[in-house]
PDB file of all heavy atoms in Angstrom:
ATOM      1  N   ILE A   1      94.737 107.325 105.452  1.00  0.00           N
ATOM      2  CA  ILE A   1      95.373 108.565 105.938  1.00  0.00           C
ATOM      3  C   ILE A   1      96.198 109.239 104.792  1.00  0.00           C
ATOM      4  O   ILE A   1      96.107 110.415 104.590  1.00  0.00           O
ATOM      5  CB  ILE A   1      96.228 108.275 107.180  1.00  0.00           C
ATOM      6  CG1 ILE A   1      95.400 107.770 108.299  1.00  0.00           C
ATOM      7  CG2 ILE A   1      97.002 109.567 107.581  1.00  0.00           C
ATOM      8  CD1 ILE A   1      96.194 107.156 109.442  1.00  0.00           C
ATOM      9  N   GLU A   2      96.979 108.415 104.120  1.00  0.00           N
ATOM     10  CA  GLU A   2      97.757 108.940 103.062  1.00  0.00           C
ATOM     11  C   GLU A   2      97.007 109.567 101.929  1.00  0.00           C
ATOM     12  O   GLU A   2      97.311 110.673 101.391  1.00  0.00           O
ATOM     13  CB  GLU A   2      98.730 107.837 102.507  1.00  0.00           C
ATOM     14  CG  GLU A   2      99.688 108.365 101.429  1.00  0.00           C
ATOM     15  CD  GLU A   2     100.722 107.310 101.040  1.00  0.00           C
ATOM     16  OE1 GLU A   2     100.498 106.100 101.308  1.00  0.00           O
ATOM     17  OE2 GLU A   2     101.768 107.677 100.445  1.00  0.00           O
ATOM     18  N   LEU A   3      95.884 108.901 101.546  1.00  0.00           N
ATOM     19  CA  LEU A   3      95.012 109.393 100.473  1.00  0.00           C
ATOM     20  C   LEU A   3      94.445 110.791 100.900  1.00  0.00           C
ATOM     21  O   LEU A   3      94.439 111.742 100.097  1.00  0.00           O
ATOM     22  CB  LEU A   3      93.879 108.465 100.261  1.00  0.00           C
ATOM     23  CG  LEU A   3      94.174 107.207  99.376  1.00  0.00           C
ATOM     24  CD1 LEU A   3      93.050 106.255  99.443  1.00  0.00           C
ATOM     25  CD2 LEU A   3      94.488 107.622  97.927  1.00  0.00           C
ATOM     26  N   VAL A   4      94.018 110.890 102.125  1.00  0.00           N
ATOM     27  CA  VAL A   4      93.381 112.191 102.631  1.00  0.00           C
ATOM     28  C   VAL A   4      94.446 113.272 102.709  1.00  0.00           C
ATOM     29  O   VAL A   4      94.211 114.416 102.291  1.00  0.00           O
ATOM     30  CB  VAL A   4      92.690 111.932 103.927  1.00  0.00           C
ATOM     31  CG1 VAL A   4      92.158 113.277 104.576  1.00  0.00           C
ATOM     32  CG2 VAL A   4      91.478 110.979 103.731  1.00  0.00           C
ATOM     33  N   CYS A   5      95.586 112.959 103.241  1.00  0.00           N
ATOM     34  CA  CYS A   5      96.689 114.003 103.332  1.00  0.00           C
ATOM     35  C   CYS A   5      97.109 114.433 101.975  1.00  0.00           C
ATOM     36  O   CYS A   5      97.338 115.661 101.751  1.00  0.00           O
ATOM     37  CB  CYS A   5      97.845 113.432 104.095  1.00  0.00           C
ATOM     38  SG  CYS A   5      97.587 113.283 105.877  1.00  0.00           S
ATOM     39  N   ASP A   6      97.180 113.554 101.034  1.00  0.00           N
ATOM     40  CA  ASP A   6      97.528 113.912  99.607  1.00  0.00           C
ATOM     41  C   ASP A   6      96.529 114.877  99.043  1.00  0.00           C
ATOM     42  O   ASP A   6      96.857 115.816  98.335  1.00  0.00           O
ATOM     43  CB  ASP A   6      97.651 112.675  98.774  1.00  0.00           C
ATOM     44  CG  ASP A   6      98.939 111.912  99.017  1.00  0.00           C
ATOM     45  OD1 ASP A   6      99.841 112.430  99.754  1.00  0.00           O
ATOM     46  OD2 ASP A   6      99.060 110.779  98.579  1.00  0.00           O
ATOM     47  N   ARG A   7      95.231 114.586  99.310  1.00  0.00           N
ATOM     48  CA  ARG A   7      94.146 115.430  98.748  1.00  0.00           C
ATOM     49  C   ARG A   7      94.181 116.805  99.425  1.00  0.00           C
ATOM     50  O   ARG A   7      93.693 117.787  98.790  1.00  0.00           O
ATOM     51  CB  ARG A   7      92.774 114.732  99.027  1.00  0.00           C
ATOM     52  CG  ARG A   7      92.577 113.490  98.111  1.00  0.00           C
ATOM     53  CD  ARG A   7      91.328 112.760  98.549  1.00  0.00           C
ATOM     54  NE  ARG A   7      91.215 111.499  97.820  1.00  0.00           N
ATOM     55  CZ  ARG A   7      90.266 110.612  98.050  1.00  0.00           C
ATOM     56  NH1 ARG A   7      89.338 110.802  98.995  1.00  0.00           N
ATOM     57  NH2 ARG A   7      90.194 109.471  97.367  1.00  0.00           N
ATOM     58  N   HIS A   8      94.679 116.951 100.619  1.00  0.00           N
ATOM     59  CA  HIS A   8      94.708 118.189 101.354  1.00  0.00           C
ATOM     60  C   HIS A   8      95.881 119.029 100.958  1.00  0.00           C
ATOM     61  O   HIS A   8      95.897 120.274 101.204  1.00  0.00           O
ATOM     62  CB  HIS A   8      94.720 117.992 102.831  1.00  0.00           C
ATOM     63  CG  HIS A   8      94.621 119.216 103.669  1.00  0.00           C
ATOM     64  ND1 HIS A   8      93.494 120.075 103.658  1.00  0.00           N
ATOM     65  CD2 HIS A   8      95.530 119.785 104.511  1.00  0.00           C
ATOM     66  CE1 HIS A   8      93.729 121.064 104.425  1.00  0.00           C
ATOM     67  NE2 HIS A   8      94.945 120.973 104.954  1.00  0.00           N
ATOM     68  N   ALA A   9      96.918 118.467 100.349  1.00  0.00           N
ATOM     69  CA  ALA A   9      98.195 119.135 100.135  1.00  0.00           C
ATOM     70  C   ALA A   9      98.059 120.481  99.460  1.00  0.00           C
ATOM     71  O   ALA A   9      98.690 121.529  99.797  1.00  0.00           O
ATOM     72  CB  ALA A   9      99.150 118.224  99.378  1.00  0.00           C
ATOM     73  N   SER A  10      97.188 120.545  98.440  1.00  0.00           N
ATOM     74  CA  SER A  10      97.069 121.793  97.630  1.00  0.00           C
ATOM     75  C   SER A  10      96.277 122.865  98.406  1.00  0.00           C
ATOM     76  O   SER A  10      96.286 124.042  98.002  1.00  0.00           O
ATOM     77  CB  SER A  10      96.414 121.475  96.321  1.00  0.00           C
ATOM     78  OG  SER A  10      95.122 120.941  96.467  1.00  0.00           O
ATOM     79  N   ASN A  11      95.531 122.444  99.475  1.00  0.00           N
ATOM     80  CA  ASN A  11      94.687 123.374 100.215  1.00  0.00           C
ATOM     81  C   ASN A  11      95.195 123.657 101.637  1.00  0.00           C
ATOM     82  O   ASN A  11      94.552 124.205 102.471  1.00  0.00           O
ATOM     83  CB  ASN A  11      93.276 122.876 100.302  1.00  0.00           C
ATOM     84  CG  ASN A  11      92.624 122.707  98.945  1.00  0.00           C
ATOM     85  OD1 ASN A  11      92.645 123.643  98.195  1.00  0.00           O
ATOM     86  ND2 ASN A  11      92.045 121.555  98.633  1.00  0.00           N
ATOM     87  N   ASN A  12      96.481 123.190 101.902  1.00  0.00           N
ATOM     88  CA  ASN A  12      97.021 123.332 103.225  1.00  0.00           C
ATOM     89  C   ASN A  12      97.122 124.806 103.618  1.00  0.00           C
ATOM     90  O   ASN A  12      97.683 125.647 102.873  1.00  0.00           O
ATOM     91  CB  ASN A  12      98.440 122.685 103.328  1.00  0.00           C
ATOM     92  CG  ASN A  12      98.953 122.637 104.736  1.00  0.00           C
ATOM     93  OD1 ASN A  12      98.219 122.751 105.701  1.00  0.00           O
ATOM     94  ND2 ASN A  12     100.269 122.510 104.826  1.00  0.00           N
ATOM     95  N   CYS A  13      96.523 125.171 104.778  1.00  0.00           N
ATOM     96  CA  CYS A  13      96.542 126.509 105.276  1.00  0.00           C
ATOM     97  C   CYS A  13      97.750 126.733 106.160  1.00  0.00           C
ATOM     98  O   CYS A  13      97.873 126.097 107.194  1.00  0.00           O
ATOM     99  CB  CYS A  13      95.259 126.782 106.048  1.00  0.00           C
ATOM    100  SG  CYS A  13      95.113 128.473 106.723  1.00  0.00           S
ATOM    101  N   SER A  14      98.665 127.616 105.795  1.00  0.00           N
ATOM    102  CA  SER A  14      99.959 127.724 106.518  1.00  0.00           C
ATOM    103  C   SER A  14      99.791 128.355 107.892  1.00  0.00           C
ATOM    104  O   SER A  14     100.571 127.993 108.793  1.00  0.00           O
ATOM    105  CB  SER A  14     100.949 128.582 105.658  1.00  0.00           C
ATOM    106  OG  SER A  14     100.421 129.869 105.455  1.00  0.00           O
ATOM    107  N   SER A  15      98.864 129.221 108.107  1.00  0.00           N
ATOM    108  CA  SER A  15      98.667 129.815 109.387  1.00  0.00           C
ATOM    109  C   SER A  15      97.232 129.695 109.775  1.00  0.00           C
ATOM    110  O   SER A  15      96.438 130.707 109.731  1.00  0.00           O
ATOM    111  CB  SER A  15      99.083 131.297 109.395  1.00  0.00           C
ATOM    112  OG  SER A  15     100.464 131.451 109.086  1.00  0.00           O
ATOM    113  N   PRO A  16      96.753 128.496 110.205  1.00  0.00           N
ATOM    114  CA  PRO A  16      95.330 128.300 110.341  1.00  0.00           C
ATOM    115  C   PRO A  16      94.756 128.965 111.602  1.00  0.00           C
ATOM    116  O   PRO A  16      95.410 129.043 112.661  1.00  0.00           O
ATOM    117  CB  PRO A  16      95.253 126.783 110.486  1.00  0.00           C
ATOM    118  CG  PRO A  16      96.541 126.351 111.073  1.00  0.00           C
ATOM    119  CD  PRO A  16      97.510 127.301 110.430  1.00  0.00           C
ATOM    120  N   SER A  17      93.535 129.480 111.526  1.00  0.00           N
ATOM    121  CA  SER A  17      92.762 129.905 112.683  1.00  0.00           C
ATOM    122  C   SER A  17      92.069 128.707 113.302  1.00  0.00           C
ATOM    123  O   SER A  17      92.092 127.576 112.746  1.00  0.00           O
ATOM    124  CB  SER A  17      91.724 130.928 112.231  1.00  0.00           C
ATOM    125  OG  SER A  17      90.765 130.299 111.402  1.00  0.00           O
ATOM    126  N   LEU A  18      91.410 128.943 114.446  1.00  0.00           N
ATOM    127  CA  LEU A  18      90.645 127.845 115.053  1.00  0.00           C
ATOM    128  C   LEU A  18      89.546 127.350 114.093  1.00  0.00           C
ATOM    129  O   LEU A  18      89.322 126.181 114.004  1.00  0.00           O
ATOM    130  CB  LEU A  18      90.019 128.292 116.373  1.00  0.00           C
ATOM    131  CG  LEU A  18      89.227 127.284 117.146  1.00  0.00           C
ATOM    132  CD1 LEU A  18      90.010 126.018 117.437  1.00  0.00           C
ATOM    133  CD2 LEU A  18      88.617 127.870 118.389  1.00  0.00           C
ATOM    134  N   ALA A  19      88.914 128.258 113.407  1.00  0.00           N
ATOM    135  CA  ALA A  19      87.905 127.869 112.457  1.00  0.00           C
ATOM    136  C   ALA A  19      88.474 127.044 111.314  1.00  0.00           C
ATOM    137  O   ALA A  19      87.835 126.048 110.877  1.00  0.00           O
ATOM    138  CB  ALA A  19      87.234 129.137 111.877  1.00  0.00           C
ATOM    139  N   ASP A  20      89.681 127.361 110.825  1.00  0.00           N
ATOM    140  CA  ASP A  20      90.320 126.626 109.771  1.00  0.00           C
ATOM    141  C   ASP A  20      90.614 125.222 110.306  1.00  0.00           C
ATOM    142  O   ASP A  20      90.436 124.222 109.557  1.00  0.00           O
ATOM    143  CB  ASP A  20      91.674 127.254 109.385  1.00  0.00           C
ATOM    144  CG  ASP A  20      91.490 128.621 108.711  1.00  0.00           C
ATOM    145  OD1 ASP A  20      90.428 128.807 108.045  1.00  0.00           O
ATOM    146  OD2 ASP A  20      92.357 129.500 108.857  1.00  0.00           O
ATOM    147  N   ILE A  21      91.089 125.057 111.541  1.00  0.00           N
ATOM    148  CA  ILE A  21      91.423 123.756 112.062  1.00  0.00           C
ATOM    149  C   ILE A  21      90.172 122.913 112.206  1.00  0.00           C
ATOM    150  O   ILE A  21      90.154 121.722 111.865  1.00  0.00           O
ATOM    151  CB  ILE A  21      92.124 123.932 113.438  1.00  0.00           C
ATOM    152  CG1 ILE A  21      93.520 124.500 113.210  1.00  0.00           C
ATOM    153  CG2 ILE A  21      92.221 122.577 114.193  1.00  0.00           C
ATOM    154  CD1 ILE A  21      94.229 124.978 114.452  1.00  0.00           C
ATOM    155  N   VAL A  22      89.067 123.508 112.742  1.00  0.00           N
ATOM    156  CA  VAL A  22      87.852 122.745 112.894  1.00  0.00           C
ATOM    157  C   VAL A  22      87.299 122.319 111.523  1.00  0.00           C
ATOM    158  O   VAL A  22      86.829 121.160 111.360  1.00  0.00           O
ATOM    159  CB  VAL A  22      86.816 123.656 113.661  1.00  0.00           C
ATOM    160  CG1 VAL A  22      85.398 122.958 113.629  1.00  0.00           C
ATOM    161  CG2 VAL A  22      87.266 123.848 115.086  1.00  0.00           C
ATOM    162  N   ALA A  23      87.416 123.186 110.550  1.00  0.00           N
ATOM    163  CA  ALA A  23      86.936 122.863 109.203  1.00  0.00           C
ATOM    164  C   ALA A  23      87.797 121.727 108.602  1.00  0.00           C
ATOM    165  O   ALA A  23      87.236 120.814 107.934  1.00  0.00           O
ATOM    166  CB  ALA A  23      86.996 124.078 108.328  1.00  0.00           C
ATOM    167  N   ALA A  24      89.124 121.794 108.752  1.00  0.00           N
ATOM    168  CA  ALA A  24      89.990 120.773 108.221  1.00  0.00           C
ATOM    169  C   ALA A  24      89.743 119.431 108.894  1.00  0.00           C
ATOM    170  O   ALA A  24      89.741 118.347 108.260  1.00  0.00           O
ATOM    171  CB  ALA A  24      91.471 121.197 108.458  1.00  0.00           C
TER     172      ALA A  24
END
């Protein structure tokens, strides 16, 4: 979990749409 969250940090979407959430 920590590895994946660290990899996502630079691509974190601050105001995600439903499509963004499904993709994440």
